Amino acid sequence: MDDADRAKGIADQADQDALEDHLSRSNSNQPSRIHCIDCEEEISPRRRETKGVTRCINCQRDFEQRQLLSNWGPP
């Protein structure tokens, strides 16, 4: 795997994450999921009280970190 392949993989993941983020935000009026869309573990009942939750707290933190890193870089 060369640099171009790695860059494409990173870009594809960023696109997928952005799409999932958009979809999760547009679902804010929908009931929360019972199981996380990333790890499939049960989302805590307390977290599910917020409408539109799609990820457990750990996966949400990882998702947001990836979002920050994908947006960080030279202008």
PDB file of N, CA and C in Angstrom:
ATOM      1  N   MET A   1       0.854  -1.172   0.000  1.00  0.00           N
ATOM      2  CA  MET A   1       0.000   0.000   0.000  1.00  0.00           C
ATOM      3  C   MET A   1       0.903   1.239   0.000  1.00  0.00           C
ATOM      4  N   ASP A   2       0.676   2.119  -0.962  1.00  0.00           N
ATOM      5  CA  ASP A   2       1.496   3.327  -1.035  1.00  0.00           C
ATOM      6  C   ASP A   2       0.766   4.513  -0.404  1.00  0.00           C
ATOM      7  N   ASP A   3       1.415   5.676  -0.430  1.00  0.00           N
ATOM      8  CA  ASP A   3       0.846   6.874   0.198  1.00  0.00           C
ATOM      9  C   ASP A   3      -0.497   7.267  -0.416  1.00  0.00           C
ATOM     10  N   ALA A   4      -0.629   7.113  -1.721  1.00  0.00           N
ATOM     11  CA  ALA A   4      -1.888   7.479  -2.385  1.00  0.00           C
ATOM     12  C   ALA A   4      -3.036   6.593  -1.898  1.00  0.00           C
ATOM     13  N   ASP A   5      -2.754   5.299  -1.738  1.00  0.00           N
ATOM     14  CA  ASP A   5      -3.787   4.386  -1.230  1.00  0.00           C
ATOM     15  C   ASP A   5      -4.185   4.744   0.192  1.00  0.00           C
ATOM     16  N   ARG A   6      -3.192   5.063   1.029  1.00  0.00           N
ATOM     17  CA  ARG A   6      -3.489   5.442   2.414  1.00  0.00           C
ATOM     18  C   ARG A   6      -4.293   6.741   2.452  1.00  0.00           C
ATOM     19  N   ALA A   7      -3.908   7.700   1.616  1.00  0.00           N
ATOM     20  CA  ALA A   7      -4.630   8.976   1.577  1.00  0.00           C
ATOM     21  C   ALA A   7      -6.076   8.761   1.131  1.00  0.00           C
ATOM     22  N   LYS A   8      -6.268   7.907   0.135  1.00  0.00           N
ATOM     23  CA  LYS A   8      -7.631   7.624  -0.332  1.00  0.00           C
ATOM     24  C   LYS A   8      -8.443   6.965   0.776  1.00  0.00           C
ATOM     25  N   GLY A   9      -7.827   6.040   1.498  1.00  0.00           N
ATOM     26  CA  GLY A   9      -8.522   5.384   2.603  1.00  0.00           C
ATOM     27  C   GLY A   9      -8.938   6.369   3.676  1.00  0.00           C
ATOM     28  N   ILE A  10      -8.048   7.294   3.997  1.00  0.00           N
ATOM     29  CA  ILE A  10      -8.354   8.316   5.003  1.00  0.00           C
ATOM     30  C   ILE A  10      -9.480   9.222   4.509  1.00  0.00           C
ATOM     31  N   ALA A  11      -9.397   9.632   3.244  1.00  0.00           N
ATOM     32  CA  ALA A  11     -10.436  10.500   2.680  1.00  0.00           C
ATOM     33  C   ALA A  11     -11.783   9.785   2.641  1.00  0.00           C
ATOM     34  N   ASP A  12     -11.775   8.515   2.258  1.00  0.00           N
ATOM     35  CA  ASP A  12     -13.023   7.746   2.224  1.00  0.00           C
ATOM     36  C   ASP A  12     -13.633   7.631   3.619  1.00  0.00           C
ATOM     37  N   GLN A  13     -12.787   7.385   4.625  1.00  0.00           N
ATOM     38  CA  GLN A  13     -13.287   7.276   6.000  1.00  0.00           C
ATOM     39  C   GLN A  13     -13.856   8.613   6.467  1.00  0.00           C
ATOM     40  N   ALA A  14     -13.175   9.709   6.122  1.00  0.00           N
ATOM     41  CA  ALA A  14     -13.663  11.036   6.507  1.00  0.00           C
ATOM     42  C   ALA A  14     -15.019  11.316   5.859  1.00  0.00           C
ATOM     43  N   ASP A  15     -15.168  10.931   4.591  1.00  0.00           N
ATOM     44  CA  ASP A  15     -16.449  11.114   3.907  1.00  0.00           C
ATOM     45  C   ASP A  15     -17.554  10.301   4.580  1.00  0.00           C
ATOM     46  N   GLN A  16     -17.238   9.065   4.912  1.00  0.00           N
ATOM     47  CA  GLN A  16     -18.221   8.200   5.581  1.00  0.00           C
ATOM     48  C   GLN A  16     -18.605   8.772   6.941  1.00  0.00           C
ATOM     49  N   ASP A  17     -17.603   9.231   7.688  1.00  0.00           N
ATOM     50  CA  ASP A  17     -17.876   9.809   9.003  1.00  0.00           C
ATOM     51  C   ASP A  17     -18.735  11.066   8.884  1.00  0.00           C
ATOM     52  N   ALA A  18     -18.441  11.899   7.881  1.00  0.00           N
ATOM     53  CA  ALA A  18     -19.222  13.120   7.685  1.00  0.00           C
ATOM     54  C   ALA A  18     -20.673  12.781   7.346  1.00  0.00           C
ATOM     55  N   LEU A  19     -20.858  11.774   6.510  1.00  0.00           N
ATOM     56  CA  LEU A  19     -22.212  11.352   6.162  1.00  0.00           C
ATOM     57  C   LEU A  19     -22.951  10.837   7.391  1.00  0.00           C
ATOM     58  N   GLU A  20     -22.284   9.999   8.175  1.00  0.00           N
ATOM     59  CA  GLU A  20     -22.913   9.473   9.385  1.00  0.00           C
ATOM     60  C   GLU A  20     -23.237  10.594  10.370  1.00  0.00           C
ATOM     61  N   ASP A  21     -22.336  11.566  10.472  1.00  0.00           N
ATOM     62  CA  ASP A  21     -22.580  12.700  11.362  1.00  0.00           C
ATOM     63  C   ASP A  21     -23.809  13.475  10.898  1.00  0.00           C
ATOM     64  N   HIS A  22     -23.881  13.723   9.607  1.00  0.00           N
ATOM     65  CA  HIS A  22     -25.031  14.444   9.059  1.00  0.00           C
ATOM     66  C   HIS A  22     -26.328  13.671   9.326  1.00  0.00           C
ATOM     67  N   LEU A  23     -26.287  12.378   9.073  1.00  0.00           N
ATOM     68  CA  LEU A  23     -27.488  11.572   9.294  1.00  0.00           C
ATOM     69  C   LEU A  23     -27.869  11.532  10.764  1.00  0.00           C
ATOM     70  N   SER A  24     -26.877  11.444  11.644  1.00  0.00           N
ATOM     71  CA  SER A  24     -27.202  11.394  13.072  1.00  0.00           C
ATOM     72  C   SER A  24     -27.775  12.725  13.542  1.00  0.00           C
ATOM     73  N   ARG A  25     -27.294  13.830  12.987  1.00  0.00           N
ATOM     74  CA  ARG A  25     -27.850  15.136  13.356  1.00  0.00           C
ATOM     75  C   ARG A  25     -29.264  15.297  12.818  1.00  0.00           C
ATOM     76  N   SER A  26     -29.499  14.780  11.617  1.00  0.00           N
ATOM     77  CA  SER A  26     -30.838  14.910  11.043  1.00  0.00           C
ATOM     78  C   SER A  26     -31.838  13.998  11.746  1.00  0.00           C
ATOM     79  N   ASN A  27     -31.357  13.048  12.529  1.00  0.00           N
ATOM     80  CA  ASN A  27     -32.230  12.140  13.271  1.00  0.00           C
ATOM     81  C   ASN A  27     -32.508  12.629  14.682  1.00  0.00           C
ATOM     82  N   SER A  28     -32.181  13.885  14.983  1.00  0.00           N
ATOM     83  CA  SER A  28     -32.301  14.362  16.357  1.00  0.00           C
ATOM     84  C   SER A  28     -33.741  14.347  16.871  1.00  0.00           C
ATOM     85  N   ASN A  29     -34.707  14.283  15.979  1.00  0.00           N
ATOM     86  CA  ASN A  29     -36.099  14.170  16.419  1.00  0.00           C
ATOM     87  C   ASN A  29     -36.554  12.720  16.492  1.00  0.00           C
ATOM     88  N   GLN A  30     -35.678  11.810  16.110  1.00  0.00           N
ATOM     89  CA  GLN A  30     -35.978  10.385  16.136  1.00  0.00           C
ATOM     90  C   GLN A  30     -35.584   9.801  17.490  1.00  0.00           C
ATOM     91  N   PRO A  31     -36.173   8.697  17.871  1.00  0.00           N
ATOM     92  CA  PRO A  31     -35.744   8.047  19.114  1.00  0.00           C
ATOM     93  C   PRO A  31     -34.300   7.573  18.981  1.00  0.00           C
ATOM     94  N   SER A  32     -33.618   7.513  20.087  1.00  0.00           N
ATOM     95  CA  SER A  32     -32.242   7.028  20.085  1.00  0.00           C
ATOM     96  C   SER A  32     -32.211   5.539  19.786  1.00  0.00           C
ATOM     97  N   ARG A  33     -31.091   5.110  19.236  1.00  0.00           N
ATOM     98  CA  ARG A  33     -30.893   3.682  18.991  1.00  0.00           C
ATOM     99  C   ARG A  33     -30.614   2.975  20.311  1.00  0.00           C
ATOM    100  N   ILE A  34     -30.920   1.714  20.365  1.00  0.00           N
ATOM    101  CA  ILE A  34     -30.608   0.914  21.550  1.00  0.00           C
ATOM    102  C   ILE A  34     -29.166   0.435  21.487  1.00  0.00           C
ATOM    103  N   HIS A  35     -28.702   0.115  20.273  1.00  0.00           N
ATOM    104  CA  HIS A  35     -27.339  -0.372  20.086  1.00  0.00           C
ATOM    105  C   HIS A  35     -26.542   0.601  19.220  1.00  0.00           C
ATOM    106  N   CYS A  36     -25.276   0.753  19.552  1.00  0.00           N
ATOM    107  CA  CYS A  36     -24.357   1.658  18.864  1.00  0.00           C
ATOM    108  C   CYS A  36     -24.176   1.242  17.399  1.00  0.00           C
ATOM    109  N   ILE A  37     -24.166   2.225  16.491  1.00  0.00           N
ATOM    110  CA  ILE A  37     -23.980   1.926  15.069  1.00  0.00           C
ATOM    111  C   ILE A  37     -22.551   1.498  14.755  1.00  0.00           C
ATOM    112  N   ASP A  38     -21.604   1.776  15.647  1.00  0.00           N
ATOM    113  CA  ASP A  38     -20.210   1.410  15.393  1.00  0.00           C
ATOM    114  C   ASP A  38     -19.829   0.078  16.024  1.00  0.00           C
ATOM    115  N   CYS A  39     -20.043  -0.067  17.318  1.00  0.00           N
ATOM    116  CA  CYS A  39     -19.580  -1.277  18.024  1.00  0.00           C
ATOM    117  C   CYS A  39     -20.706  -2.265  18.318  1.00  0.00           C
ATOM    118  N   GLU A  40     -21.946  -1.842  18.115  1.00  0.00           N
ATOM    119  CA  GLU A  40     -23.140  -2.664  18.332  1.00  0.00           C
ATOM    120  C   GLU A  40     -23.401  -3.016  19.798  1.00  0.00           C
ATOM    121  N   GLU A  41     -22.653  -2.393  20.713  1.00  0.00           N
ATOM    122  CA  GLU A  41     -22.928  -2.577  22.144  1.00  0.00           C
ATOM    123  C   GLU A  41     -24.158  -1.753  22.510  1.00  0.00           C
ATOM    124  N   GLU A  42     -24.803  -2.116  23.598  1.00  0.00           N
ATOM    125  CA  GLU A  42     -25.977  -1.374  24.042  1.00  0.00           C
ATOM    126  C   GLU A  42     -25.571   0.030  24.497  1.00  0.00           C
ATOM    127  N   ILE A  43     -26.341   1.020  24.081  1.00  0.00           N
ATOM    128  CA  ILE A  43     -26.147   2.400  24.524  1.00  0.00           C
ATOM    129  C   ILE A  43     -26.817   2.527  25.884  1.00  0.00           C
ATOM    130  N   SER A  44     -26.150   3.177  26.812  1.00  0.00           N
ATOM    131  CA  SER A  44     -26.684   3.266  28.171  1.00  0.00           C
ATOM    132  C   SER A  44     -28.064   3.937  28.169  1.00  0.00           C
ATOM    133  N   PRO A  45     -28.956   3.464  29.033  1.00  0.00           N
ATOM    134  CA  PRO A  45     -30.298   4.050  29.098  1.00  0.00           C
ATOM    135  C   PRO A  45     -30.262   5.559  29.348  1.00  0.00           C
ATOM    136  N   ARG A  46     -29.351   6.006  30.180  1.00  0.00           N
ATOM    137  CA  ARG A  46     -29.270   7.444  30.461  1.00  0.00           C
ATOM    138  C   ARG A  46     -28.906   8.226  29.202  1.00  0.00           C
ATOM    139  N   ARG A  47     -27.979   7.693  28.414  1.00  0.00           N
ATOM    140  CA  ARG A  47     -27.587   8.368  27.172  1.00  0.00           C
ATOM    141  C   ARG A  47     -28.739   8.347  26.165  1.00  0.00           C
ATOM    142  N   ARG A  48     -29.505   7.273  26.143  1.00  0.00           N
ATOM    143  CA  ARG A  48     -30.622   7.162  25.198  1.00  0.00           C
ATOM    144  C   ARG A  48     -31.748   8.130  25.506  1.00  0.00           C
ATOM    145  N   GLU A  49     -31.737   8.747  26.685  1.00  0.00           N
ATOM    146  CA  GLU A  49     -32.768   9.738  27.012  1.00  0.00           C
ATOM    147  C   GLU A  49     -32.706  10.929  26.060  1.00  0.00           C
ATOM    148  N   THR A  50     -31.527  11.190  25.500  1.00  0.00           N
ATOM    149  CA  THR A  50     -31.374  12.250  24.502  1.00  0.00           C
ATOM    150  C   THR A  50     -31.829  11.699  23.160  1.00  0.00           C
ATOM    151  N   LYS A  51     -32.706  12.413  22.480  1.00  0.00           N
ATOM    152  CA  LYS A  51     -33.211  11.938  21.192  1.00  0.00           C
ATOM    153  C   LYS A  51     -32.108  11.923  20.141  1.00  0.00           C
ATOM    154  N   GLY A  52     -32.171  10.935  19.263  1.00  0.00           N
ATOM    155  CA  GLY A  52     -31.287  10.871  18.110  1.00  0.00           C
ATOM    156  C   GLY A  52     -29.901  10.304  18.359  1.00  0.00           C
ATOM    157  N   VAL A  53     -29.634   9.764  19.544  1.00  0.00           N
ATOM    158  CA  VAL A  53     -28.314   9.209  19.835  1.00  0.00           C
ATOM    159  C   VAL A  53     -28.123   7.936  19.011  1.00  0.00           C
ATOM    160  N   THR A  54     -26.969   7.837  18.346  1.00  0.00           N
ATOM    161  CA  THR A  54     -26.690   6.671  17.501  1.00  0.00           C
ATOM    162  C   THR A  54     -25.451   5.901  17.935  1.00  0.00           C
ATOM    163  N   ARG A  55     -24.644   6.477  18.850  1.00  0.00           N
ATOM    164  CA  ARG A  55     -23.399   5.837  19.271  1.00  0.00           C
ATOM    165  C   ARG A  55     -23.301   5.809  20.791  1.00  0.00           C
ATOM    166  N   CYS A  56     -22.606   4.784  21.302  1.00  0.00           N
ATOM    167  CA  CYS A  56     -22.279   4.768  22.725  1.00  0.00           C
ATOM    168  C   CYS A  56     -21.290   5.903  22.990  1.00  0.00           C
ATOM    169  N   ILE A  57     -21.085   6.221  24.241  1.00  0.00           N
ATOM    170  CA  ILE A  57     -20.246   7.368  24.581  1.00  0.00           C
ATOM    171  C   ILE A  57     -18.816   7.197  24.074  1.00  0.00           C
ATOM    172  N   ASN A  58     -18.272   5.981  24.161  1.00  0.00           N
ATOM    173  CA  ASN A  58     -16.898   5.760  23.707  1.00  0.00           C
ATOM    174  C   ASN A  58     -16.766   5.923  22.197  1.00  0.00           C
ATOM    175  N   CYS A  59     -17.686   5.353  21.450  1.00  0.00           N
ATOM    176  CA  CYS A  59     -17.636   5.482  19.992  1.00  0.00           C
ATOM    177  C   CYS A  59     -17.918   6.916  19.556  1.00  0.00           C
ATOM    178  N   GLN A  60     -18.803   7.618  20.268  1.00  0.00           N
ATOM    179  CA  GLN A  60     -19.069   9.015  19.937  1.00  0.00           C
ATOM    180  C   GLN A  60     -17.822   9.857  20.142  1.00  0.00           C
ATOM    181  N   ARG A  61     -17.105   9.611  21.242  1.00  0.00           N
ATOM    182  CA  ARG A  61     -15.865  10.336  21.507  1.00  0.00           C
ATOM    183  C   ARG A  61     -14.843  10.051  20.399  1.00  0.00           C
ATOM    184  N   ASP A  62     -14.700   8.778  20.013  1.00  0.00           N
ATOM    185  CA  ASP A  62     -13.772   8.418  18.933  1.00  0.00           C
ATOM    186  C   ASP A  62     -14.186   9.075  17.619  1.00  0.00           C
ATOM    187  N   PHE A  63     -15.485   9.073  17.338  1.00  0.00           N
ATOM    188  CA  PHE A  63     -16.005   9.684  16.114  1.00  0.00           C
ATOM    189  C   PHE A  63     -15.687  11.174  16.075  1.00  0.00           C
ATOM    190  N   GLU A  64     -15.935  11.862  17.176  1.00  0.00           N
ATOM    191  CA  GLU A  64     -15.667  13.298  17.226  1.00  0.00           C
ATOM    192  C   GLU A  64     -14.175  13.586  17.111  1.00  0.00           C
ATOM    193  N   GLN A  65     -13.344  12.730  17.692  1.00  0.00           N
ATOM    194  CA  GLN A  65     -11.895  12.902  17.579  1.00  0.00           C
ATOM    195  C   GLN A  65     -11.459  12.754  16.118  1.00  0.00           C
ATOM    196  N   ARG A  66     -12.000  11.751  15.422  1.00  0.00           N
ATOM    197  CA  ARG A  66     -11.673  11.574  14.001  1.00  0.00           C
ATOM    198  C   ARG A  66     -12.123  12.782  13.192  1.00  0.00           C
ATOM    199  N   GLN A  67     -13.301  13.328  13.539  1.00  0.00           N
ATOM    200  CA  GLN A  67     -13.798  14.515  12.841  1.00  0.00           C
ATOM    201  C   GLN A  67     -12.840  15.686  13.025  1.00  0.00           C
ATOM    202  N   LEU A  68     -12.394  15.883  14.256  1.00  0.00           N
ATOM    203  CA  LEU A  68     -11.460  16.976  14.526  1.00  0.00           C
ATOM    204  C   LEU A  68     -10.164  16.791  13.756  1.00  0.00           C
ATOM    205  N   LEU A  69      -9.641  15.580  13.762  1.00  0.00           N
ATOM    206  CA  LEU A  69      -8.382  15.313  13.070  1.00  0.00           C
ATOM    207  C   LEU A  69      -8.523  15.453  11.565  1.00  0.00           C
ATOM    208  N   SER A  70      -9.669  15.060  11.020  1.00  0.00           N
ATOM    209  CA  SER A  70      -9.851  15.167   9.571  1.00  0.00           C
ATOM    210  C   SER A  70     -10.017  16.622   9.138  1.00  0.00           C
ATOM    211  N   ASN A  71     -10.466  17.473  10.047  1.00  0.00           N
ATOM    212  CA  ASN A  71     -10.627  18.895   9.729  1.00  0.00           C
ATOM    213  C   ASN A  71      -9.386  19.707  10.068  1.00  0.00           C
ATOM    214  N   TRP A  72      -8.428  19.077  10.726  1.00  0.00           N
ATOM    215  CA  TRP A  72      -7.230  19.774  11.158  1.00  0.00           C
ATOM    216  C   TRP A  72      -6.162  19.611  10.095  1.00  0.00           C
ATOM    217  N   GLY A  73      -5.560  20.675   9.729  1.00  0.00           N
ATOM    218  CA  GLY A  73      -4.515  20.604   8.716  1.00  0.00           C
ATOM    219  C   GLY A  73      -4.337  21.945   8.057  1.00  0.00           C
ATOM    220  N   PRO A  74      -3.492  21.979   7.070  1.00  0.00           N
ATOM    221  CA  PRO A  74      -3.248  23.254   6.392  1.00  0.00           C
ATOM    222  C   PRO A  74      -4.504  23.757   5.698  1.00  0.00           C
ATOM    223  N   PRO A  75      -4.694  25.057   5.702  1.00  0.00           N
ATOM    224  CA  PRO A  75      -5.884  25.626   5.041  1.00  0.00           C
ATOM    225  C   PRO A  75      -5.837  25.477   3.542  1.00  0.00           C
TER     226      PRO A  75
END
